[in-house]
Amino acid sequence: MGISVVINTYNEAKNLQECLDSVKGFDEIVVCDMESTDETVEIARRNGCKTIIFPKGSHTICEPARNTAIQSASNPWVLVLDADEKITPRLRDYLYAFIENPSDVAGLFIPRKNYVMHRFRKSSYPDSQLRFLKRDGSDWPATIHSHPTVAGRIDRIPSKRTDLALIHKSVSLTDIVERMNRYTSAQAEKKRSKKVNLLSMIFVPWWFFFKIYILGGSFRYGIAGYIVAKKDAISRFYMLAKIYEAQNEARFREKERNL
């Protein structure tokens, strides 16, 4: 019984090699690329990965390609990673020991350590992710930040086992801003029926900042913590603004039709 590592990518040349270096020793590595315009595919092929292409089309998130990536794996168990994540040798050994013991478990939550500006964001830990699962019977919804369903029981690695956590490494502010634009567009589409008014656009971002900076303890990390909290608040504001924009456009078109 083997394990395939599945990595979804789009223009991840700057991150992919470090991710691939961390997963050496698995039976198979599958890179499912959404028509990158940088050297992502070349890096994957150079490292001997099984490489498949998923048509990007108008997609701005990787979730629509998750099922294709998982079902392209040759082994019954799949570890799903993003290109800006990596794992430890201890986690690899744990997963192989796990599948040697037959059970009805079909999915495993793994804790994740998030890093911002090269600092471990303790307040977000364990941020457990359902990333280890049986290929057959799994389904990953094509919506942003969705979680897969599996045909069986789900277990989890205890959060106290910090040595077995996924590592979500730091990304640059340029990448954060670029992702914010893509993610808020996808979130706005998902929540397009949400009621948005001036009060919500003022209060909701403020609440997110307060929750992350004060209640979540981001203030302990100095300027980096302030940037994280502010980024999340701004992201929430732009999501609401995009929902309002779409709703306003729909109202305008309706008025035009009635003239």
Protein backbone atom coordinates (compact mmCIF):
# COMPACT_ATOMS: atom_id res chain seq x y z
CA MET A 1 0.00 0.00 0.00
CA GLY A 2 1.47 3.35 -1.04
CA ILE A 3 0.99 7.10 -0.72
CA SER A 4 0.83 9.68 -3.49
CA VAL A 5 1.54 13.35 -2.79
CA VAL A 6 -0.73 15.65 -4.79
CA ILE A 7 0.20 19.30 -5.35
CA ASN A 8 -2.03 21.81 -7.15
CA THR A 9 -0.12 24.65 -8.78
CA TYR A 10 -0.42 27.86 -10.74
CA ASN A 11 2.72 29.99 -11.20
CA GLU A 12 4.45 28.47 -8.17
CA ALA A 13 8.02 28.36 -9.53
CA LYS A 14 9.34 30.28 -6.53
CA ASN A 15 7.84 27.81 -4.02
CA LEU A 16 7.62 24.42 -5.69
CA GLN A 17 11.20 23.16 -5.35
CA GLU A 18 11.23 23.55 -1.56
CA CYS A 19 7.91 21.73 -1.35
CA LEU A 20 9.18 18.88 -3.56
CA ASP A 21 12.39 18.57 -1.54
CA SER A 22 10.29 17.99 1.60
CA VAL A 23 8.26 15.11 0.09
CA LYS A 24 11.11 12.94 -1.16
CA GLY A 25 10.59 9.34 -0.12
CA PHE A 26 6.90 9.06 -1.03
CA ASP A 27 5.81 6.54 -3.66
CA GLU A 28 4.59 9.16 -6.12
CA ILE A 29 4.35 12.92 -6.53
CA VAL A 30 1.57 14.31 -8.73
CA VAL A 31 1.64 17.97 -9.79
CA CYS A 32 -1.66 19.20 -11.23
CA ASP A 33 -0.92 22.53 -12.90
CA MET A 34 -3.47 25.10 -14.07
CA GLU A 35 -1.55 26.28 -17.14
CA SER A 36 1.22 28.17 -15.38
CA THR A 37 3.06 30.84 -17.34
CA ASP A 38 6.28 30.52 -15.35
CA GLU A 39 8.63 27.53 -14.89
CA THR A 40 6.35 25.55 -12.55
CA VAL A 41 5.78 22.67 -14.99
CA GLU A 42 9.46 22.47 -15.93
CA ILE A 43 10.43 22.22 -12.24
CA ALA A 44 7.88 19.47 -11.68
CA ARG A 45 9.10 17.43 -14.65
CA ARG A 46 12.74 17.99 -13.75
CA ASN A 47 12.01 16.42 -10.35
CA GLY A 48 10.38 13.36 -11.92
CA CYS A 49 6.83 14.27 -10.89
CA LYS A 50 3.79 12.90 -12.65
CA THR A 51 2.55 16.12 -14.26
CA ILE A 52 -0.96 16.77 -15.51
CA ILE A 53 -2.53 19.95 -16.84
CA PHE A 54 -5.93 21.22 -15.76
CA PRO A 55 -7.43 23.95 -18.01
CA LYS A 56 -7.42 27.19 -16.04
CA GLY A 57 -10.20 28.90 -17.96
CA SER A 58 -11.72 31.56 -15.73
CA HIS A 59 -10.82 29.77 -12.48
CA THR A 60 -9.04 31.92 -9.89
CA ILE A 61 -8.73 29.21 -7.20
CA CYS A 62 -7.32 25.69 -7.15
CA GLU A 63 -10.34 23.86 -5.73
CA PRO A 64 -11.93 23.07 -9.13
CA ALA A 65 -8.78 21.06 -9.95
CA ARG A 66 -8.55 19.15 -6.65
CA ASN A 67 -10.60 16.12 -7.71
CA THR A 68 -8.73 15.78 -10.99
CA ALA A 69 -5.44 15.87 -9.11
CA ILE A 70 -6.52 13.32 -6.50
CA GLN A 71 -7.99 10.88 -9.00
CA SER A 72 -4.77 11.07 -11.07
CA ALA A 73 -2.86 9.50 -8.17
CA SER A 74 -1.80 5.87 -8.56
CA ASN A 75 -1.88 4.97 -4.87
CA PRO A 76 -4.87 4.40 -2.57
CA TRP A 77 -3.79 7.06 -0.05
CA VAL A 78 -3.22 10.72 -1.00
CA LEU A 79 -1.49 13.58 0.82
CA VAL A 80 -2.69 16.91 -0.58
CA LEU A 81 -0.33 19.87 -0.37
CA ASP A 82 -0.15 23.41 -1.65
CA ALA A 83 3.12 24.51 -3.25
CA ASP A 84 3.85 26.92 -0.38
CA GLU A 85 3.63 24.10 2.16
CA LYS A 86 6.12 21.44 3.20
CA ILE A 87 6.30 18.52 5.60
CA THR A 88 8.79 16.99 8.00
CA PRO A 89 10.37 13.54 7.70
CA ARG A 90 8.59 12.63 10.95
CA LEU A 91 5.20 13.32 9.37
CA ARG A 92 6.10 11.17 6.37
CA ASP A 93 7.11 8.27 8.65
CA TYR A 94 3.93 8.74 10.73
CA LEU A 95 1.69 8.51 7.66
CA TYR A 96 3.34 5.32 6.42
CA ALA A 97 3.01 3.75 9.87
CA PHE A 98 -0.63 4.89 9.94
CA ILE A 99 -1.65 3.07 6.75
CA GLU A 100 0.03 -0.15 7.93
CA ASN A 101 -2.66 -0.52 10.60
CA PRO A 102 -6.00 -1.41 8.94
CA SER A 103 -9.00 0.62 10.19
CA ASP A 104 -12.16 2.29 8.96
CA VAL A 105 -10.46 5.69 8.88
CA ALA A 106 -10.60 7.28 5.41
CA GLY A 107 -9.32 10.75 6.23
CA LEU A 108 -6.91 12.40 8.61
CA PHE A 109 -6.78 15.99 9.84
CA ILE A 110 -3.21 17.28 10.12
CA PRO A 111 -2.30 20.35 12.22
CA ARG A 112 -0.65 23.20 10.31
CA LYS A 113 1.88 25.80 11.39
CA ASN A 114 1.38 29.12 9.60
CA TYR A 115 4.29 31.52 9.17
CA VAL A 116 3.99 35.22 8.36
CA MET A 117 7.12 37.24 7.64
CA HIS A 118 9.10 34.19 8.83
CA ARG A 119 7.43 34.19 12.24
CA PHE A 120 5.31 31.31 13.52
CA ARG A 121 1.76 32.56 13.98
CA LYS A 122 0.97 30.69 17.21
CA SER A 123 -2.51 32.18 17.49
CA SER A 124 -3.63 30.31 14.35
CA TYR A 125 -2.36 26.89 15.49
CA PRO A 126 -3.45 24.08 15.08
CA ASP A 127 -5.40 25.18 11.95
CA SER A 128 -6.03 21.48 11.24
CA GLN A 129 -6.50 20.53 7.57
CA LEU A 130 -8.11 17.39 6.12
CA ARG A 131 -5.23 16.63 3.76
CA PHE A 132 -4.58 12.89 4.10
CA LEU A 133 -7.32 10.75 2.62
CA LYS A 134 -8.22 7.69 0.64
CA ARG A 135 -8.40 8.43 -3.07
CA ASP A 136 -11.49 6.32 -3.74
CA GLY A 137 -14.72 7.80 -2.44
CA SER A 138 -13.31 11.27 -1.83
CA ASP A 139 -14.86 14.45 -3.22
CA TRP A 140 -13.52 17.99 -3.04
CA PRO A 141 -16.12 20.75 -3.70
CA ALA A 142 -15.03 23.32 -6.29
CA THR A 143 -15.53 26.30 -3.96
CA ILE A 144 -12.93 28.42 -2.20
CA HIS A 145 -11.51 27.08 1.08
CA SER A 146 -13.73 23.99 0.90
CA HIS A 147 -12.96 20.70 2.63
CA PRO A 148 -13.16 17.24 1.09
CA THR A 149 -15.66 14.57 1.99
CA VAL A 150 -14.44 10.99 2.36
CA ALA A 151 -16.10 7.58 2.38
CA GLY A 152 -15.38 6.61 5.96
CA ARG A 153 -14.44 7.82 9.40
CA ILE A 154 -12.20 10.87 9.90
CA ASP A 155 -9.51 11.00 12.56
CA ARG A 156 -6.94 13.64 13.43
CA ILE A 157 -3.33 13.99 14.51
CA PRO A 158 -3.33 15.53 18.01
CA SER A 159 -2.32 19.20 17.97
CA LYS A 160 0.22 18.52 20.72
CA ARG A 161 2.25 16.63 18.12
CA THR A 162 3.77 19.82 16.71
CA ASP A 163 6.52 17.73 15.10
CA LEU A 164 3.88 16.23 12.76
CA ALA A 165 2.40 19.52 11.55
CA LEU A 166 2.29 20.79 7.98
CA ILE A 167 4.45 23.87 7.55
CA HIS A 168 2.81 26.77 5.70
CA LYS A 169 5.77 28.97 4.94
CA SER A 170 5.91 32.74 4.62
CA VAL A 171 4.87 34.37 1.37
CA SER A 172 5.73 37.89 0.28
CA LEU A 173 3.38 40.82 0.71
CA THR A 174 3.20 41.05 -3.08
CA ASP A 175 1.86 37.49 -3.18
CA ILE A 176 -0.51 38.18 -0.28
CA VAL A 177 -2.05 41.17 -2.10
CA GLU A 178 -2.34 39.22 -5.36
CA ARG A 179 -4.02 36.30 -3.59
CA MET A 180 -6.30 38.67 -1.70
CA ASN A 181 -7.69 39.95 -4.99
CA ARG A 182 -8.32 36.41 -6.31
CA TYR A 183 -9.71 35.06 -3.05
CA THR A 184 -12.06 37.98 -2.38
CA SER A 185 -13.47 37.66 -5.90
CA ALA A 186 -14.13 33.96 -5.33
CA GLN A 187 -15.62 34.58 -1.87
CA ALA A 188 -17.84 37.36 -3.21
CA GLU A 189 -19.17 35.04 -5.90
CA LYS A 190 -19.90 32.36 -3.30
CA LYS A 191 -21.71 34.84 -1.00
CA ARG A 192 -23.30 37.06 -3.66
CA SER A 193 -26.71 36.91 -1.95
CA LYS A 194 -25.32 38.25 1.34
CA LYS A 195 -26.90 41.51 2.51
CA VAL A 196 -24.38 44.35 2.39
CA ASN A 197 -24.92 47.89 3.67
CA LEU A 198 -22.80 50.78 4.91
CA LEU A 199 -22.95 49.57 8.51
CA SER A 200 -21.63 46.10 7.63
CA MET A 201 -18.85 47.57 5.49
CA ILE A 202 -17.73 49.72 8.44
CA PHE A 203 -18.25 47.27 11.30
CA VAL A 204 -17.31 43.85 9.85
CA PRO A 205 -13.70 44.73 8.84
CA TRP A 206 -13.20 46.49 12.19
CA TRP A 207 -14.46 43.40 14.06
CA PHE A 208 -12.12 41.13 12.10
CA PHE A 209 -9.18 43.37 12.93
CA PHE A 210 -10.11 43.43 16.63
CA LYS A 211 -10.66 39.65 16.73
CA ILE A 212 -7.30 38.88 15.13
CA TYR A 213 -5.14 41.66 16.58
CA ILE A 214 -6.48 41.75 20.15
CA LEU A 215 -8.43 38.55 20.86
CA GLY A 216 -6.19 36.43 18.62
CA GLY A 217 -3.00 37.86 20.09
CA SER A 218 -1.44 39.19 16.88
CA PHE A 219 -0.33 42.28 18.82
CA ARG A 220 2.38 40.09 20.35
CA TYR A 221 4.19 39.95 16.99
CA GLY A 222 4.83 43.65 16.60
CA ILE A 223 4.56 45.16 13.13
CA ALA A 224 4.21 41.73 11.50
CA GLY A 225 1.17 40.98 13.69
CA TYR A 226 -0.39 44.34 12.86
CA ILE A 227 0.09 43.71 9.13
CA VAL A 228 -1.58 40.27 9.38
CA ALA A 229 -4.61 41.66 11.22
CA LYS A 230 -4.90 44.64 8.89
CA LYS A 231 -4.61 42.39 5.84
CA ASP A 232 -7.46 40.17 7.03
CA ALA A 233 -9.63 43.22 7.78
CA ILE A 234 -8.94 44.75 4.36
CA SER A 235 -9.65 41.41 2.71
CA ARG A 236 -13.05 41.28 4.41
CA PHE A 237 -13.78 44.86 3.30
CA TYR A 238 -12.97 44.11 -0.34
CA MET A 239 -15.09 40.97 -0.30
CA LEU A 240 -18.09 42.98 0.93
CA ALA A 241 -17.36 45.76 -1.57
CA LYS A 242 -17.29 43.26 -4.44
CA ILE A 243 -20.60 41.75 -3.30
CA TYR A 244 -22.11 45.25 -3.22
CA GLU A 245 -20.66 46.04 -6.65
CA ALA A 246 -22.22 42.91 -8.17
CA GLN A 247 -25.59 43.55 -6.52
CA ASN A 248 -25.55 47.21 -7.59
CA GLU A 249 -24.73 46.20 -11.15
CA ALA A 250 -27.62 43.74 -11.15
CA ARG A 251 -30.02 46.45 -9.92
CA PHE A 252 -28.79 48.86 -12.58
CA ARG A 253 -29.32 46.28 -15.35
CA GLU A 254 -32.80 45.54 -14.05
CA LYS A 255 -33.70 49.25 -14.17
CA GLU A 256 -32.36 49.49 -17.71
CA ARG A 257 -34.57 46.59 -18.82
CA ASN A 258 -37.63 48.26 -17.31
CA LEU A 259 -37.12 51.61 -19.07
